[in-house]
Amino acid sequence: MVASDPPEPLDGELAVGTHWVVKIVVMIACVVGFTVVGAGIGFFAIYLADRIGVIDSMDLSWIDLFECMSVFVILSAVIGGRVCYKTIFSK
């Protein structure tokens, strides 16, 4: 095969397999993206709670930060998975 030759078309089985792989990769990317956004929202929420005085600065610990970020990460991952699933499989 010479570099200037056009690529061969995929046969039916390989095309269907490739299509599913792309869907899975897009689903994972969507969930990871929503999770990163959720971690940022959780960090911002704990920062804002500290700034307005809901949480005493002396009592703020890494565990509080982890708990707040975990809640938003889990919720964002679930929402991201659902949104991506509806987007991909609605076609």
N, C-alpha and C. Protein backbone atom coordinates (compact mmCIF):
# COMPACT_ATOMS: atom_id res chain seq x y z
N MET A 1 0.85 -1.18 0.00
CA MET A 1 0.00 0.00 0.00
C MET A 1 0.89 1.23 0.00
N VAL A 2 0.66 2.08 -0.95
CA VAL A 2 1.42 3.32 -1.08
C VAL A 2 0.70 4.41 -0.29
N ALA A 3 1.45 5.38 0.19
CA ALA A 3 0.88 6.44 1.03
C ALA A 3 -0.20 7.24 0.30
N SER A 4 -0.16 7.28 -1.03
CA SER A 4 -1.14 8.07 -1.77
C SER A 4 -2.42 7.30 -2.05
N ASP A 5 -2.45 5.99 -1.78
CA ASP A 5 -3.66 5.20 -2.00
C ASP A 5 -4.75 5.63 -1.01
N PRO A 6 -6.00 5.67 -1.45
CA PRO A 6 -7.08 6.02 -0.51
C PRO A 6 -7.27 4.88 0.50
N PRO A 7 -7.72 5.19 1.70
CA PRO A 7 -7.92 4.13 2.69
C PRO A 7 -9.06 3.21 2.27
N GLU A 8 -8.93 1.96 2.65
CA GLU A 8 -9.98 0.99 2.32
C GLU A 8 -11.18 1.22 3.24
N PRO A 9 -12.38 1.08 2.70
CA PRO A 9 -13.55 1.26 3.56
C PRO A 9 -13.65 0.13 4.58
N LEU A 10 -14.24 0.43 5.72
CA LEU A 10 -14.40 -0.58 6.76
C LEU A 10 -15.51 -1.55 6.36
N ASP A 11 -15.31 -2.82 6.70
CA ASP A 11 -16.40 -3.76 6.48
C ASP A 11 -17.46 -3.53 7.55
N GLY A 12 -18.61 -4.13 7.40
CA GLY A 12 -19.74 -3.86 8.29
C GLY A 12 -19.47 -4.14 9.75
N GLU A 13 -18.84 -5.28 10.05
CA GLU A 13 -18.60 -5.65 11.45
C GLU A 13 -17.60 -4.70 12.11
N LEU A 14 -16.55 -4.35 11.40
CA LEU A 14 -15.55 -3.45 11.96
C LEU A 14 -16.12 -2.04 12.12
N ALA A 15 -16.96 -1.62 11.21
CA ALA A 15 -17.57 -0.29 11.31
C ALA A 15 -18.49 -0.20 12.53
N VAL A 16 -19.28 -1.25 12.77
CA VAL A 16 -20.17 -1.26 13.93
C VAL A 16 -19.36 -1.27 15.21
N GLY A 17 -18.28 -2.07 15.26
CA GLY A 17 -17.41 -2.11 16.43
C GLY A 17 -16.76 -0.77 16.70
N THR A 18 -16.30 -0.12 15.66
CA THR A 18 -15.66 1.19 15.81
C THR A 18 -16.68 2.22 16.30
N HIS A 19 -17.89 2.13 15.81
CA HIS A 19 -18.94 3.06 16.22
C HIS A 19 -19.21 2.94 17.73
N TRP A 20 -19.26 1.72 18.25
CA TRP A 20 -19.50 1.52 19.68
C TRP A 20 -18.33 2.00 20.52
N VAL A 21 -17.12 1.81 20.02
CA VAL A 21 -15.94 2.28 20.75
C VAL A 21 -15.97 3.80 20.85
N VAL A 22 -16.34 4.46 19.77
CA VAL A 22 -16.42 5.92 19.79
C VAL A 22 -17.49 6.38 20.79
N LYS A 23 -18.63 5.70 20.83
CA LYS A 23 -19.68 6.05 21.78
C LYS A 23 -19.19 5.90 23.22
N ILE A 24 -18.47 4.83 23.50
CA ILE A 24 -17.97 4.60 24.86
C ILE A 24 -16.94 5.66 25.23
N VAL A 25 -16.05 6.00 24.31
CA VAL A 25 -15.03 7.02 24.58
C VAL A 25 -15.69 8.38 24.81
N VAL A 26 -16.69 8.71 24.03
CA VAL A 26 -17.40 9.98 24.21
C VAL A 26 -18.12 9.99 25.56
N MET A 27 -18.71 8.87 25.95
CA MET A 27 -19.39 8.77 27.24
C MET A 27 -18.41 8.99 28.39
N ILE A 28 -17.25 8.35 28.33
CA ILE A 28 -16.23 8.51 29.38
C ILE A 28 -15.74 9.94 29.42
N ALA A 29 -15.49 10.54 28.27
CA ALA A 29 -15.02 11.93 28.23
C ALA A 29 -16.06 12.88 28.81
N CYS A 30 -17.31 12.63 28.53
CA CYS A 30 -18.39 13.49 29.06
C CYS A 30 -18.48 13.37 30.57
N VAL A 31 -18.41 12.16 31.10
CA VAL A 31 -18.48 11.95 32.55
C VAL A 31 -17.28 12.58 33.23
N VAL A 32 -16.09 12.41 32.67
CA VAL A 32 -14.89 13.00 33.26
C VAL A 32 -14.97 14.52 33.23
N GLY A 33 -15.44 15.08 32.13
CA GLY A 33 -15.58 16.53 32.04
C GLY A 33 -16.55 17.09 33.07
N PHE A 34 -17.71 16.45 33.22
CA PHE A 34 -18.66 16.89 34.23
C PHE A 34 -18.09 16.72 35.63
N THR A 35 -17.30 15.67 35.85
CA THR A 35 -16.71 15.43 37.16
C THR A 35 -15.71 16.52 37.52
N VAL A 36 -14.91 16.94 36.57
CA VAL A 36 -13.95 18.02 36.83
C VAL A 36 -14.69 19.31 37.15
N VAL A 37 -15.74 19.59 36.42
CA VAL A 37 -16.55 20.78 36.71
C VAL A 37 -17.17 20.67 38.11
N GLY A 38 -17.64 19.49 38.47
CA GLY A 38 -18.22 19.28 39.80
C GLY A 38 -17.20 19.48 40.91
N ALA A 39 -15.96 19.05 40.69
CA ALA A 39 -14.91 19.27 41.69
C ALA A 39 -14.66 20.76 41.85
N GLY A 40 -14.66 21.49 40.76
CA GLY A 40 -14.48 22.94 40.84
C GLY A 40 -15.62 23.61 41.58
N ILE A 41 -16.84 23.16 41.32
CA ILE A 41 -18.00 23.73 42.02
C ILE A 41 -17.93 23.41 43.51
N GLY A 42 -17.52 22.19 43.86
CA GLY A 42 -17.38 21.82 45.26
C GLY A 42 -16.33 22.64 45.97
N PHE A 43 -15.21 22.88 45.30
CA PHE A 43 -14.16 23.71 45.88
C PHE A 43 -14.66 25.13 46.08
N PHE A 44 -15.36 25.66 45.08
CA PHE A 44 -15.90 27.01 45.18
C PHE A 44 -16.95 27.10 46.29
N ALA A 45 -17.76 26.05 46.46
CA ALA A 45 -18.80 26.06 47.49
C ALA A 45 -18.19 26.09 48.88
N ILE A 46 -17.14 25.32 49.12
CA ILE A 46 -16.51 25.32 50.45
C ILE A 46 -15.78 26.64 50.68
N TYR A 47 -15.21 27.21 49.63
CA TYR A 47 -14.55 28.52 49.75
C TYR A 47 -15.57 29.60 50.08
N LEU A 48 -16.70 29.58 49.38
CA LEU A 48 -17.74 30.57 49.61
C LEU A 48 -18.34 30.42 51.00
N ALA A 49 -18.55 29.18 51.44
CA ALA A 49 -19.09 28.96 52.78
C ALA A 49 -18.13 29.48 53.85
N ASP A 50 -16.85 29.35 53.61
CA ASP A 50 -15.86 29.87 54.56
C ASP A 50 -15.85 31.39 54.55
N ARG A 51 -15.98 31.98 53.36
CA ARG A 51 -15.92 33.45 53.25
C ARG A 51 -17.13 34.14 53.89
N ILE A 52 -18.31 33.55 53.78
CA ILE A 52 -19.48 34.21 54.33
C ILE A 52 -19.73 33.84 55.79
N GLY A 53 -18.91 32.97 56.33
CA GLY A 53 -18.98 32.67 57.76
C GLY A 53 -19.84 31.49 58.14
N VAL A 54 -20.26 30.69 57.20
CA VAL A 54 -21.05 29.50 57.52
C VAL A 54 -20.17 28.48 58.24
N ILE A 55 -18.92 28.39 57.82
CA ILE A 55 -17.95 27.48 58.42
C ILE A 55 -16.89 28.32 59.11
N ASP A 56 -16.59 27.99 60.35
CA ASP A 56 -15.55 28.70 61.08
C ASP A 56 -14.20 28.33 60.48
N SER A 57 -13.37 29.32 60.21
CA SER A 57 -12.07 29.08 59.59
C SER A 57 -11.18 28.19 60.43
N MET A 58 -11.34 28.24 61.74
CA MET A 58 -10.50 27.42 62.61
C MET A 58 -10.90 25.94 62.52
N ASP A 59 -12.16 25.68 62.17
CA ASP A 59 -12.63 24.30 62.11
C ASP A 59 -12.55 23.70 60.70
N LEU A 60 -12.22 24.51 59.71
CA LEU A 60 -12.16 24.03 58.33
C LEU A 60 -10.98 23.08 58.16
N SER A 61 -11.24 21.90 57.66
CA SER A 61 -10.17 20.92 57.49
C SER A 61 -10.23 20.34 56.08
N TRP A 62 -9.24 19.52 55.78
CA TRP A 62 -9.19 18.86 54.48
C TRP A 62 -10.35 17.88 54.33
N ILE A 63 -10.81 17.34 55.45
CA ILE A 63 -11.93 16.41 55.39
C ILE A 63 -13.20 17.13 54.95
N ASP A 64 -13.41 18.35 55.47
CA ASP A 64 -14.57 19.14 55.03
C ASP A 64 -14.50 19.43 53.53
N LEU A 65 -13.32 19.79 53.07
CA LEU A 65 -13.13 20.05 51.64
C LEU A 65 -13.41 18.80 50.82
N PHE A 66 -12.87 17.67 51.27
CA PHE A 66 -13.07 16.40 50.57
C PHE A 66 -14.55 16.02 50.53
N GLU A 67 -15.25 16.19 51.65
CA GLU A 67 -16.67 15.84 51.69
C GLU A 67 -17.49 16.70 50.74
N CYS A 68 -17.24 17.98 50.76
CA CYS A 68 -18.00 18.90 49.90
C CYS A 68 -17.71 18.62 48.42
N MET A 69 -16.45 18.42 48.10
CA MET A 69 -16.11 18.15 46.71
C MET A 69 -16.65 16.79 46.27
N SER A 70 -16.65 15.81 47.17
CA SER A 70 -17.16 14.48 46.82
C SER A 70 -18.64 14.52 46.45
N VAL A 71 -19.41 15.28 47.21
CA VAL A 71 -20.84 15.39 46.91
C VAL A 71 -21.05 15.95 45.51
N PHE A 72 -20.36 17.03 45.20
CA PHE A 72 -20.53 17.65 43.89
C PHE A 72 -19.94 16.79 42.76
N VAL A 73 -18.86 16.08 43.04
CA VAL A 73 -18.27 15.21 42.03
C VAL A 73 -19.22 14.07 41.69
N ILE A 74 -19.80 13.45 42.69
CA ILE A 74 -20.71 12.33 42.45
C ILE A 74 -21.96 12.81 41.70
N LEU A 75 -22.54 13.90 42.15
CA LEU A 75 -23.72 14.43 41.46
C LEU A 75 -23.41 14.83 40.02
N SER A 76 -22.27 15.45 39.81
CA SER A 76 -21.90 15.88 38.46
C SER A 76 -21.63 14.69 37.55
N ALA A 77 -21.01 13.64 38.09
CA ALA A 77 -20.74 12.45 37.28
C ALA A 77 -22.04 11.78 36.86
N VAL A 78 -22.99 11.71 37.77
CA VAL A 78 -24.29 11.10 37.44
C VAL A 78 -25.02 11.94 36.39
N ILE A 79 -25.04 13.25 36.59
CA ILE A 79 -25.70 14.13 35.63
C ILE A 79 -24.99 14.06 34.27
N GLY A 80 -23.66 14.05 34.28
CA GLY A 80 -22.90 13.96 33.03
C GLY A 80 -23.17 12.67 32.28
N GLY A 81 -23.23 11.56 33.02
CA GLY A 81 -23.54 10.29 32.38
C GLY A 81 -24.92 10.26 31.77
N ARG A 82 -25.87 10.82 32.49
CA ARG A 82 -27.25 10.84 31.99
C ARG A 82 -27.39 11.74 30.76
N VAL A 83 -26.80 12.92 30.83
CA VAL A 83 -26.87 13.86 29.71
C VAL A 83 -26.21 13.25 28.47
N CYS A 84 -25.05 12.67 28.65
CA CYS A 84 -24.33 12.09 27.51
C CYS A 84 -25.09 10.88 26.95
N TYR A 85 -25.64 10.06 27.83
CA TYR A 85 -26.40 8.90 27.38
C TYR A 85 -27.60 9.34 26.54
N LYS A 86 -28.32 10.34 27.03
CA LYS A 86 -29.48 10.84 26.28
C LYS A 86 -29.05 11.48 24.96
N THR A 87 -27.90 12.16 24.95
CA THR A 87 -27.43 12.81 23.74
C THR A 87 -26.98 11.78 22.70
N ILE A 88 -26.23 10.78 23.13
CA ILE A 88 -25.69 9.80 22.19
C ILE A 88 -26.79 8.89 21.65
N PHE A 89 -27.63 8.37 22.52
CA PHE A 89 -28.59 7.36 22.09
C PHE A 89 -29.93 7.92 21.64
N SER A 90 -30.06 9.24 21.59
CA SER A 90 -31.29 9.82 21.07
C SER A 90 -31.30 9.86 19.55
N LYS A 91 -30.16 9.61 18.95
CA LYS A 91 -30.05 9.68 17.49
C LYS A 91 -30.53 8.42 16.83
